């Protein structure tokens, strides 16, 4: 049986597209995958920005001599609707033990970024973040961002501002 050419093309396209769709779905992580008892600090230059749903993502290149800022524990944090003890979180923030120079930062969904009035972060921008990586720092160098510091502003990405 011979299928019309257009139907064969459609089947071929679907066959090729399915693995890509599954790969993208696998890349989205919920909070439970991350070690929320061990916040980490990252900073660096944005080398890739993906400002899209299901959440915005940044790829950041960190400096070779990454260090905790002396003022991190004293930084003022915005109030947000989720019950986050921001000062306690900053107080126990550490550097990651792994030494990857490039990290993917998972931000909030675009709707929440708009509520925070966060402008799209572009390639070349300098950012800092406090958040969580996978338990025992296993797997890919990915951080789920709790607080994002950019252009002198701080965004609490777990929930909306109050």
C-alpha atoms as a PDB file:
ATOM      1  CA  UNK A   1       0.000   0.000   0.000  1.00  0.00           C
ATOM      2  CA  UNK A   2       1.395   3.390  -0.964  1.00  0.00           C
ATOM      3  CA  UNK A   3       0.462   6.428   1.028  1.00  0.00           C
ATOM      4  CA  UNK A   4       0.101   9.770  -0.688  1.00  0.00           C
ATOM      5  CA  UNK A   5       3.320  11.773  -0.520  1.00  0.00           C
ATOM      6  CA  UNK A   6       1.851  14.394   1.815  1.00  0.00           C
ATOM      7  CA  UNK A   7       0.732  11.777   4.324  1.00  0.00           C
ATOM      8  CA  UNK A   8       4.165  10.128   4.282  1.00  0.00           C
ATOM      9  CA  UNK A   9       5.750  13.497   4.967  1.00  0.00           C
ATOM     10  CA  UNK A  10       3.382  14.081   7.874  1.00  0.00           C
ATOM     11  CA  UNK A  11       4.245  10.695   9.395  1.00  0.00           C
ATOM     12  CA  UNK A  12       7.974  11.347   8.935  1.00  0.00           C
ATOM     13  CA  UNK A  13       7.659  14.776  10.544  1.00  0.00           C
ATOM     14  CA  UNK A  14       5.756  13.348  13.514  1.00  0.00           C
ATOM     15  CA  UNK A  15       8.364  10.619  13.909  1.00  0.00           C
ATOM     16  CA  UNK A  16      11.169  13.177  13.988  1.00  0.00           C
ATOM     17  CA  UNK A  17       9.348  15.663  16.216  1.00  0.00           C
ATOM     18  CA  UNK A  18       8.295  13.234  18.960  1.00  0.00           C
ATOM     19  CA  UNK A  19      11.792  12.702  20.473  1.00  0.00           C
ATOM     20  CA  UNK A  20      12.360  16.472  20.490  1.00  0.00           C
ATOM     21  CA  UNK A  21       9.085  17.089  22.303  1.00  0.00           C
ATOM     22  CA  UNK A  22       9.882  14.388  24.858  1.00  0.00           C
ATOM     23  CA  UNK A  23      13.376  15.804  25.412  1.00  0.00           C
ATOM     24  CA  UNK A  24      11.925  19.285  26.079  1.00  0.00           C
ATOM     25  CA  UNK A  25       9.313  17.878  28.476  1.00  0.00           C
ATOM     26  CA  UNK A  26      12.048  15.984  30.346  1.00  0.00           C
ATOM     27  CA  UNK A  27      14.046  19.205  30.770  1.00  0.00           C
ATOM     28  CA  UNK A  28      11.291  20.811  32.881  1.00  0.00           C
ATOM     29  CA  UNK A  29      11.761  20.001  36.576  1.00  0.00           C
ATOM     30  CA  UNK A  30       9.446  20.410  39.561  1.00  0.00           C
ATOM     31  CA  UNK A  31      10.613  21.649  42.969  1.00  0.00           C
ATOM     32  CA  UNK A  32      10.755  18.127  44.445  1.00  0.00           C
ATOM     33  CA  UNK A  33      13.830  17.241  42.341  1.00  0.00           C
ATOM     34  CA  UNK A  34      15.871  19.924  44.080  1.00  0.00           C
ATOM     35  CA  UNK A  35      17.593  19.941  47.484  1.00  0.00           C
ATOM     36  CA  UNK A  36      15.671  22.718  49.229  1.00  0.00           C
ATOM     37  CA  UNK A  37      17.690  22.258  52.425  1.00  0.00           C
ATOM     38  CA  UNK A  38      20.905  23.450  50.763  1.00  0.00           C
ATOM     39  CA  UNK A  39      20.605  26.779  48.917  1.00  0.00           C
ATOM     40  CA  UNK A  40      23.499  27.651  46.630  1.00  0.00           C
ATOM     41  CA  UNK A  41      24.788  30.909  45.177  1.00  0.00           C
ATOM     42  CA  UNK A  42      25.762  31.504  41.562  1.00  0.00           C
ATOM     43  CA  UNK A  43      26.656  34.620  39.623  1.00  0.00           C
ATOM     44  CA  UNK A  44      27.929  35.300  36.168  1.00  0.00           C
ATOM     45  CA  UNK A  45      27.340  36.455  32.640  1.00  0.00           C
ATOM     46  CA  UNK A  46      24.273  35.322  30.707  1.00  0.00           C
ATOM     47  CA  UNK A  47      25.451  33.452  27.607  1.00  0.00           C
ATOM     48  CA  UNK A  48      21.992  32.260  26.562  1.00  0.00           C
ATOM     49  CA  UNK A  49      18.501  33.500  27.390  1.00  0.00           C
ATOM     50  CA  UNK A  50      15.315  31.540  26.728  1.00  0.00           C
ATOM     51  CA  UNK A  51      12.435  33.836  27.684  1.00  0.00           C
ATOM     52  CA  UNK A  52       9.536  31.438  27.097  1.00  0.00           C
ATOM     53  CA  UNK A  53       7.185  29.020  28.814  1.00  0.00           C
ATOM     54  CA  UNK A  54       6.991  26.753  30.741  1.00  0.00           C
ATOM     55  CA  UNK A  55       9.507  29.041  32.495  1.00  0.00           C
ATOM     56  CA  UNK A  56      12.251  31.427  31.539  1.00  0.00           C
ATOM     57  CA  UNK A  57      15.746  29.962  31.512  1.00  0.00           C
ATOM     58  CA  UNK A  58      19.199  31.472  31.504  1.00  0.00           C
ATOM     59  CA  UNK A  59      22.532  29.833  30.824  1.00  0.00           C
ATOM     60  CA  UNK A  60      25.133  31.584  32.946  1.00  0.00           C
ATOM     61  CA  UNK A  61      28.906  31.340  32.782  1.00  0.00           C
ATOM     62  CA  UNK A  62      30.319  31.698  36.280  1.00  0.00           C
ATOM     63  CA  UNK A  63      33.746  33.145  37.097  1.00  0.00           C
ATOM     64  CA  UNK A  64      36.573  30.742  37.890  1.00  0.00           C
ATOM     65  CA  UNK A  65      36.883  32.301  41.360  1.00  0.00           C
ATOM     66  CA  UNK A  66      33.210  32.201  42.333  1.00  0.00           C
ATOM     67  CA  UNK A  67      32.754  33.479  45.903  1.00  0.00           C
ATOM     68  CA  UNK A  68      29.900  34.307  48.241  1.00  0.00           C
ATOM     69  CA  UNK A  69      29.391  38.091  48.449  1.00  0.00           C
ATOM     70  CA  UNK A  70      30.215  39.505  51.882  1.00  0.00           C
ATOM     71  CA  UNK A  71      26.829  41.266  52.016  1.00  0.00           C
ATOM     72  CA  UNK A  72      24.671  38.299  50.932  1.00  0.00           C
ATOM     73  CA  UNK A  73      23.205  37.661  54.417  1.00  0.00           C
ATOM     74  CA  UNK A  74      22.243  41.347  54.780  1.00  0.00           C
ATOM     75  CA  UNK A  75      20.541  41.804  51.410  1.00  0.00           C
ATOM     76  CA  UNK A  76      16.998  43.128  51.463  1.00  0.00           C
ATOM     77  CA  UNK A  77      14.546  40.695  49.944  1.00  0.00           C
ATOM     78  CA  UNK A  78      11.105  41.426  48.508  1.00  0.00           C
ATOM     79  CA  UNK A  79       7.968  40.196  50.262  1.00  0.00           C
ATOM     80  CA  UNK A  80       6.209  37.422  48.398  1.00  0.00           C
ATOM     81  CA  UNK A  81       2.988  35.495  48.836  1.00  0.00           C
ATOM     82  CA  UNK A  82       4.726  32.177  49.627  1.00  0.00           C
ATOM     83  CA  UNK A  83       5.917  31.760  53.198  1.00  0.00           C
ATOM     84  CA  UNK A  84       9.645  31.891  52.466  1.00  0.00           C
ATOM     85  CA  UNK A  85      12.063  32.822  55.257  1.00  0.00           C
ATOM     86  CA  UNK A  86      14.399  34.696  52.935  1.00  0.00           C
ATOM     87  CA  UNK A  87      16.920  35.898  55.548  1.00  0.00           C
ATOM     88  CA  UNK A  88      17.333  32.339  56.911  1.00  0.00           C
ATOM     89  CA  UNK A  89      17.740  31.050  53.363  1.00  0.00           C
ATOM     90  CA  UNK A  90      20.472  33.591  52.598  1.00  0.00           C
ATOM     91  CA  UNK A  91      22.112  32.767  55.939  1.00  0.00           C
ATOM     92  CA  UNK A  92      22.657  29.146  54.979  1.00  0.00           C
ATOM     93  CA  UNK A  93      23.518  29.702  51.300  1.00  0.00           C
ATOM     94  CA  UNK A  94      26.759  28.065  50.153  1.00  0.00           C
ATOM     95  CA  UNK A  95      28.705  27.725  46.937  1.00  0.00           C
ATOM     96  CA  UNK A  96      28.094  24.590  44.890  1.00  0.00           C
ATOM     97  CA  UNK A  97      30.662  21.844  45.395  1.00  0.00           C
ATOM     98  CA  UNK A  98      30.743  21.002  41.700  1.00  0.00           C
ATOM     99  CA  UNK A  99      32.947  23.222  39.572  1.00  0.00           C
ATOM    100  CA  UNK A 100      30.926  23.549  36.367  1.00  0.00           C
ATOM    101  CA  UNK A 101      31.441  26.945  34.774  1.00  0.00           C
ATOM    102  CA  UNK A 102      28.104  26.919  32.888  1.00  0.00           C
ATOM    103  CA  UNK A 103      24.839  26.547  34.724  1.00  0.00           C
ATOM    104  CA  UNK A 104      21.253  26.573  33.538  1.00  0.00           C
ATOM    105  CA  UNK A 105      19.068  28.742  35.745  1.00  0.00           C
ATOM    106  CA  UNK A 106      15.371  27.888  35.774  1.00  0.00           C
ATOM    107  CA  UNK A 107      13.347  31.002  36.540  1.00  0.00           C
ATOM    108  CA  UNK A 108       9.618  31.424  37.141  1.00  0.00           C
ATOM    109  CA  UNK A 109       6.904  31.117  34.487  1.00  0.00           C
ATOM    110  CA  UNK A 110       6.621  34.202  32.274  1.00  0.00           C
ATOM    111  CA  UNK A 111       3.313  35.199  33.864  1.00  0.00           C
ATOM    112  CA  UNK A 112       5.018  35.443  37.267  1.00  0.00           C
ATOM    113  CA  UNK A 113       8.025  37.251  35.794  1.00  0.00           C
ATOM    114  CA  UNK A 114       5.553  39.846  34.424  1.00  0.00           C
ATOM    115  CA  UNK A 115       3.872  40.204  37.834  1.00  0.00           C
ATOM    116  CA  UNK A 116       7.317  40.977  39.271  1.00  0.00           C
ATOM    117  CA  UNK A 117       7.741  43.481  36.400  1.00  0.00           C
ATOM    118  CA  UNK A 118      10.975  41.751  35.429  1.00  0.00           C
ATOM    119  CA  UNK A 119      12.282  42.787  32.043  1.00  0.00           C
ATOM    120  CA  UNK A 120      13.568  40.123  29.686  1.00  0.00           C
ATOM    121  CA  UNK A 121      17.140  39.306  30.623  1.00  0.00           C
ATOM    122  CA  UNK A 122      19.346  39.322  27.571  1.00  0.00           C
ATOM    123  CA  UNK A 123      22.622  37.687  26.646  1.00  0.00           C
ATOM    124  CA  UNK A 124      25.539  39.588  28.147  1.00  0.00           C
ATOM    125  CA  UNK A 125      23.705  40.659  31.323  1.00  0.00           C
ATOM    126  CA  UNK A 126      25.312  40.022  34.716  1.00  0.00           C
ATOM    127  CA  UNK A 127      23.070  38.157  37.162  1.00  0.00           C
ATOM    128  CA  UNK A 128      23.321  36.490  40.552  1.00  0.00           C
ATOM    129  CA  UNK A 129      20.976  33.923  42.023  1.00  0.00           C
ATOM    130  CA  UNK A 130      20.237  31.924  45.139  1.00  0.00           C
ATOM    131  CA  UNK A 131      18.432  28.673  44.562  1.00  0.00           C
ATOM    132  CA  UNK A 132      18.649  24.927  44.582  1.00  0.00           C
ATOM    133  CA  UNK A 133      20.340  22.245  42.542  1.00  0.00           C
ATOM    134  CA  UNK A 134      19.643  18.528  42.415  1.00  0.00           C
ATOM    135  CA  UNK A 135      20.076  16.479  45.567  1.00  0.00           C
ATOM    136  CA  UNK A 136      23.752  15.592  46.148  1.00  0.00           C
ATOM    137  CA  UNK A 137      24.475  17.867  43.151  1.00  0.00           C
ATOM    138  CA  UNK A 138      23.858  14.906  40.853  1.00  0.00           C
ATOM    139  CA  UNK A 139      23.045  15.243  37.173  1.00  0.00           C
ATOM    140  CA  UNK A 140      23.178  18.374  35.089  1.00  0.00           C
ATOM    141  CA  UNK A 141      24.336  21.761  36.445  1.00  0.00           C
ATOM    142  CA  UNK A 142      20.854  23.221  36.858  1.00  0.00           C
ATOM    143  CA  UNK A 143      19.636  25.669  39.484  1.00  0.00           C
ATOM    144  CA  UNK A 144      15.998  26.310  40.345  1.00  0.00           C
ATOM    145  CA  UNK A 145      16.148  30.003  41.256  1.00  0.00           C
ATOM    146  CA  UNK A 146      14.544  31.242  44.465  1.00  0.00           C
ATOM    147  CA  UNK A 147      15.976  34.792  44.378  1.00  0.00           C
ATOM    148  CA  UNK A 148      17.287  36.513  41.276  1.00  0.00           C
ATOM    149  CA  UNK A 149      19.514  39.588  41.512  1.00  0.00           C
ATOM    150  CA  UNK A 150      19.783  41.659  38.333  1.00  0.00           C
ATOM    151  CA  UNK A 151      20.369  45.368  37.638  1.00  0.00           C
ATOM    152  CA  UNK A 152      20.111  46.294  41.336  1.00  0.00           C
ATOM    153  CA  UNK A 153      16.721  44.547  41.697  1.00  0.00           C
ATOM    154  CA  UNK A 154      15.757  41.376  43.537  1.00  0.00           C
ATOM    155  CA  UNK A 155      12.960  39.060  42.470  1.00  0.00           C
ATOM    156  CA  UNK A 156      11.491  36.308  44.674  1.00  0.00           C
ATOM    157  CA  UNK A 157      10.514  33.711  42.122  1.00  0.00           C
ATOM    158  CA  UNK A 158       8.716  31.125  44.246  1.00  0.00           C
ATOM    159  CA  UNK A 159       5.511  33.154  44.252  1.00  0.00           C
ATOM    160  CA  UNK A 160       4.028  36.549  43.477  1.00  0.00           C
ATOM    161  CA  UNK A 161       4.948  39.775  45.269  1.00  0.00           C
ATOM    162  CA  UNK A 162       2.750  40.958  48.148  1.00  0.00           C
END
